Amino acid sequence: MRGYIPRVLWDFLIPGLSRVFRWRVQLDCGCIPEVLTRDDGTPPHEAQRKALHSPLPPGQMICQHDDSPPPPYRVIAEWGERREVKFPADPVEPPDDMDPKVWSIIRHDEPHISAFWKVTLACGHGEEAIAPSLDWVPASGPRRADPERIQQMSAEFEDAWRANPELQTERDREHTRRMLADGWPSPEPERLCYSCPHVRMISAYERVGWLVPRQRQSRKAASTAPTPSRYTLERRLRKAEAEAERLRAELDQTD
């Protein structure tokens, strides 16, 4: 079986497995998965699990369903760490799902570097936001377009929507209208949350046991116990010889 790791190699390839504890949890969607924690003292609803960009709030975990809703827009509540990414020039032809007029507005015709910031959304989940320039910091606040340019963009978007009603979903269209009404701020004050559609709450849990049975740990502990000193061994031997001599005397009396 590809990817199978024999149990005897677990401690060598994945250190610390002797501290991993198994739980069976029930989620508010009805699913009953099994989860792992470090040691058995922290119940699953108090532990944090990772999503795409940051840990989830305690008690939440990802459970994807085919009928999950699309990602919603959430307001940015907090700005975190920053990183830079290099990009090549955008192609002249727009993506298949984008109107050429819209593409002409947002397209980069030369290679560029963008700064990405980790953000925490109002829902408590983490995403990333693109800064308007490399020297931008959250304290600078968003940059907004010229009012005349906003009017032109609004007309262009409305024309594009009338020409192609399927150009954007109602969710994205309302988001675009909010950004236009706010002066097209950069960075945008809200982001799509890709965690919200798949996050579930732990409603109940039960203990399963240690991932590595404790009996196996005891044998390991015995095999790695330190060797007693020579003084200790001699003392044990004298005690054993005295006990043997006492037993011989009792046998002689019995005879």
Foldseek 3Di string as FASTA:
>chain_A
DPPDDDPVCCCVPPNPLQQKFKKWFAWPVGDIDIDIDGHDPDDQQQDWDDDDQGTAHRQKDFDDDPPFDFFAKFFFDFWADKDKDKDAFDDQDDPPLADNVVCVVPGGRGIDMWMKIWTQTPVRDIDIWTAPDPPDDVVVPWDADDLVVLVVVVVVVVVVCVVPVVSDDPRVVVVVVVCSVVRVTGPDRIDGDPRVRGMTGTDDMDTDTRPDDVVVVVVVCVVPPDDDDPVVVVVVVVVVVVVVVVVVVVVVVVD
